[in-house]
Amino acid sequence: MVGKLSWSHYCYLIYIEEDDERSFYERECINSKWSKRELKRQIDSSLFQRLLLSNGKINKKKVYELSKKGQQISEPTDILKDPYVFEFLGIKEEKPSLESDLEKRLVNHISEF
């Protein structure tokens, strides 16, 4: 892993105490080519913890596998995924959202901003 990340990346990673969590962010940073700013944003938004909380035990196992091995590309959709993170809208992950609800929340957030 050394040489694939900048010194600034390691400055953020060094403060993560849990090995699995640090490994997850390190691998995701390399695989997704996160800038240091994006890495900090993902750490600050608790991406690792949010992934562990979503979808129960099955997802926990997947997240821990990601922290050990990194992303395994087995299907074309594994390459094409581009997730959106809207934590600033306060949408709960428990229930699915309609596109119209998401649109309304985004427009309201932009208007308030």
C-alpha atoms as a PDB file:
ATOM      1  CA  MET A   1       0.000   0.000   0.000  1.00  0.00           C
ATOM      2  CA  VAL A   2       2.933   2.305   0.593  1.00  0.00           C
ATOM      3  CA  GLY A   3       3.431   4.574  -2.383  1.00  0.00           C
ATOM      4  CA  LYS A   4      -0.183   4.440  -3.513  1.00  0.00           C
ATOM      5  CA  LEU A   5      -1.308   7.170  -1.115  1.00  0.00           C
ATOM      6  CA  SER A   6       0.128  10.564  -0.327  1.00  0.00           C
ATOM      7  CA  TRP A   7       1.516  11.681   2.996  1.00  0.00           C
ATOM      8  CA  SER A   8      -1.657  13.721   3.548  1.00  0.00           C
ATOM      9  CA  HIS A   9      -3.794  10.596   3.179  1.00  0.00           C
ATOM     10  CA  TYR A  10      -1.747   8.841   5.856  1.00  0.00           C
ATOM     11  CA  CYS A  11      -2.067  11.865   8.140  1.00  0.00           C
ATOM     12  CA  TYR A  12      -5.846  11.283   8.158  1.00  0.00           C
ATOM     13  CA  LEU A  13      -5.618   7.492   8.382  1.00  0.00           C
ATOM     14  CA  ILE A  14      -3.212   7.439  11.322  1.00  0.00           C
ATOM     15  CA  TYR A  15      -5.870   8.800  13.691  1.00  0.00           C
ATOM     16  CA  ILE A  16      -8.261   5.886  13.050  1.00  0.00           C
ATOM     17  CA  GLU A  17      -7.790   3.513  15.981  1.00  0.00           C
ATOM     18  CA  GLU A  18      -9.584   0.386  14.695  1.00  0.00           C
ATOM     19  CA  ASP A  19      -7.514  -1.706  12.290  1.00  0.00           C
ATOM     20  CA  ASP A  20     -10.514  -2.891  10.242  1.00  0.00           C
ATOM     21  CA  GLU A  21     -11.816   0.638   9.846  1.00  0.00           C
ATOM     22  CA  ARG A  22      -8.416   2.041   8.885  1.00  0.00           C
ATOM     23  CA  SER A  23      -7.880  -0.776   6.404  1.00  0.00           C
ATOM     24  CA  PHE A  24     -11.324  -0.163   4.887  1.00  0.00           C
ATOM     25  CA  TYR A  25     -10.646   3.541   4.318  1.00  0.00           C
ATOM     26  CA  GLU A  26      -7.159   2.826   2.995  1.00  0.00           C
ATOM     27  CA  ARG A  27      -8.382   0.270   0.451  1.00  0.00           C
ATOM     28  CA  GLU A  28     -11.391   2.353  -0.581  1.00  0.00           C
ATOM     29  CA  CYS A  29      -9.141   5.383  -0.971  1.00  0.00           C
ATOM     30  CA  ILE A  30      -6.873   3.498  -3.350  1.00  0.00           C
ATOM     31  CA  ASN A  31      -9.637   1.674  -5.256  1.00  0.00           C
ATOM     32  CA  SER A  32     -11.866   4.729  -5.626  1.00  0.00           C
ATOM     33  CA  LYS A  33      -8.940   7.137  -6.122  1.00  0.00           C
ATOM     34  CA  TRP A  34     -10.160   9.457  -3.362  1.00  0.00           C
ATOM     35  CA  SER A  35      -8.401  12.760  -2.925  1.00  0.00           C
ATOM     36  CA  LYS A  36      -7.299  13.651   0.608  1.00  0.00           C
ATOM     37  CA  ARG A  37     -10.318  15.964   0.843  1.00  0.00           C
ATOM     38  CA  GLU A  38     -12.705  13.142  -0.165  1.00  0.00           C
ATOM     39  CA  LEU A  39     -11.061  10.768   2.318  1.00  0.00           C
ATOM     40  CA  LYS A  40     -11.541  13.298   5.115  1.00  0.00           C
ATOM     41  CA  ARG A  41     -15.170  13.797   4.094  1.00  0.00           C
ATOM     42  CA  GLN A  42     -15.838  10.058   4.136  1.00  0.00           C
ATOM     43  CA  ILE A  43     -14.180   9.669   7.550  1.00  0.00           C
ATOM     44  CA  ASP A  44     -16.058  12.673   8.955  1.00  0.00           C
ATOM     45  CA  SER A  45     -19.367  11.325   7.630  1.00  0.00           C
ATOM     46  CA  SER A  46     -18.619   7.921   9.267  1.00  0.00           C
ATOM     47  CA  LEU A  47     -18.938   5.909   6.075  1.00  0.00           C
ATOM     48  CA  PHE A  48     -17.564   2.749   7.698  1.00  0.00           C
ATOM     49  CA  GLN A  49     -20.002   2.882  10.620  1.00  0.00           C
ATOM     50  CA  ARG A  50     -22.952   3.708   8.353  1.00  0.00           C
ATOM     51  CA  LEU A  51     -22.176   0.719   6.156  1.00  0.00           C
ATOM     52  CA  LEU A  52     -21.969  -1.514   9.217  1.00  0.00           C
ATOM     53  CA  LEU A  53     -25.356  -0.285  10.446  1.00  0.00           C
ATOM     54  CA  SER A  54     -27.165  -0.781   7.157  1.00  0.00           C
ATOM     55  CA  ASN A  55     -28.769  -4.121   6.306  1.00  0.00           C
ATOM     56  CA  GLY A  56     -27.749  -5.958   9.483  1.00  0.00           C
ATOM     57  CA  LYS A  57     -25.342  -8.871   9.836  1.00  0.00           C
ATOM     58  CA  ILE A  58     -25.123  -9.723   6.142  1.00  0.00           C
ATOM     59  CA  ASN A  59     -23.790  -6.282   5.307  1.00  0.00           C
ATOM     60  CA  LYS A  60     -21.417  -6.332   8.299  1.00  0.00           C
ATOM     61  CA  LYS A  61     -19.734  -9.405   6.863  1.00  0.00           C
ATOM     62  CA  LYS A  62     -19.399  -7.711   3.458  1.00  0.00           C
ATOM     63  CA  VAL A  63     -17.906  -4.554   4.991  1.00  0.00           C
ATOM     64  CA  TYR A  64     -15.333  -6.563   6.956  1.00  0.00           C
ATOM     65  CA  GLU A  65     -14.449  -8.484   3.792  1.00  0.00           C
ATOM     66  CA  LEU A  66     -13.942  -5.147   2.019  1.00  0.00           C
ATOM     67  CA  SER A  67     -11.615  -4.021   4.800  1.00  0.00           C
ATOM     68  CA  LYS A  68      -9.504  -7.169   4.387  1.00  0.00           C
ATOM     69  CA  LYS A  69      -9.478  -7.740   0.615  1.00  0.00           C
ATOM     70  CA  GLY A  70     -10.695  -4.550  -1.007  1.00  0.00           C
ATOM     71  CA  GLN A  71     -13.357  -4.491  -3.675  1.00  0.00           C
ATOM     72  CA  GLN A  72     -13.567  -7.662  -5.744  1.00  0.00           C
ATOM     73  CA  ILE A  73     -14.811  -7.046  -9.273  1.00  0.00           C
ATOM     74  CA  SER A  74     -16.966 -10.012 -10.279  1.00  0.00           C
ATOM     75  CA  GLU A  75     -19.700  -8.367 -12.366  1.00  0.00           C
ATOM     76  CA  PRO A  76     -19.751  -5.412 -14.767  1.00  0.00           C
ATOM     77  CA  THR A  77     -21.998  -3.499 -12.355  1.00  0.00           C
ATOM     78  CA  ASP A  78     -19.190  -3.586  -9.749  1.00  0.00           C
ATOM     79  CA  ILE A  79     -17.228  -1.183 -11.954  1.00  0.00           C
ATOM     80  CA  LEU A  80     -20.151   1.040 -12.967  1.00  0.00           C
ATOM     81  CA  LYS A  81     -21.540   1.790  -9.497  1.00  0.00           C
ATOM     82  CA  ASP A  82     -21.347   5.417  -8.517  1.00  0.00           C
ATOM     83  CA  PRO A  83     -23.060   5.901  -5.153  1.00  0.00           C
ATOM     84  CA  TYR A  84     -24.440   9.217  -4.051  1.00  0.00           C
ATOM     85  CA  VAL A  85     -24.083  10.293  -0.424  1.00  0.00           C
ATOM     86  CA  PHE A  86     -26.809  12.649   0.756  1.00  0.00           C
ATOM     87  CA  GLU A  87     -26.181  12.577   4.510  1.00  0.00           C
ATOM     88  CA  PHE A  88     -26.725  16.338   4.629  1.00  0.00           C
ATOM     89  CA  LEU A  89     -30.404  15.822   3.711  1.00  0.00           C
ATOM     90  CA  GLY A  90     -31.125  13.688   6.776  1.00  0.00           C
ATOM     91  CA  ILE A  91     -32.795  10.889   4.822  1.00  0.00           C
ATOM     92  CA  LYS A  92     -33.074   7.715   6.894  1.00  0.00           C
ATOM     93  CA  GLU A  93     -31.649   4.577   5.305  1.00  0.00           C
ATOM     94  CA  GLU A  94     -34.300   2.271   6.788  1.00  0.00           C
ATOM     95  CA  LYS A  95     -36.915   3.118   4.196  1.00  0.00           C
ATOM     96  CA  PRO A  96     -36.538   3.532   0.436  1.00  0.00           C
ATOM     97  CA  SER A  97     -36.891   7.056  -0.924  1.00  0.00           C
ATOM     98  CA  LEU A  98     -38.831   8.140  -3.945  1.00  0.00           C
ATOM     99  CA  GLU A  99     -36.985  10.154  -6.545  1.00  0.00           C
ATOM    100  CA  SER A 100     -39.523  12.973  -6.164  1.00  0.00           C
ATOM    101  CA  ASP A 101     -38.873  13.148  -2.381  1.00  0.00           C
ATOM    102  CA  LEU A 102     -35.136  13.287  -2.990  1.00  0.00           C
ATOM    103  CA  GLU A 103     -35.626  16.029  -5.570  1.00  0.00           C
ATOM    104  CA  LYS A 104     -37.764  18.097  -3.158  1.00  0.00           C
ATOM    105  CA  ARG A 105     -35.219  17.754  -0.358  1.00  0.00           C
ATOM    106  CA  LEU A 106     -32.354  18.739  -2.651  1.00  0.00           C
ATOM    107  CA  VAL A 107     -34.222  21.790  -3.956  1.00  0.00           C
ATOM    108  CA  ASN A 108     -35.146  22.839  -0.399  1.00  0.00           C
ATOM    109  CA  HIS A 109     -31.562  22.385   0.775  1.00  0.00           C
ATOM    110  CA  ILE A 110     -30.215  24.472  -2.113  1.00  0.00           C
ATOM    111  CA  SER A 111     -32.831  27.150  -1.474  1.00  0.00           C
ATOM    112  CA  GLU A 112     -31.923  27.333   2.215  1.00  0.00           C
ATOM    113  CA  PHE A 113     -28.234  27.420   1.346  1.00  0.00           C
END
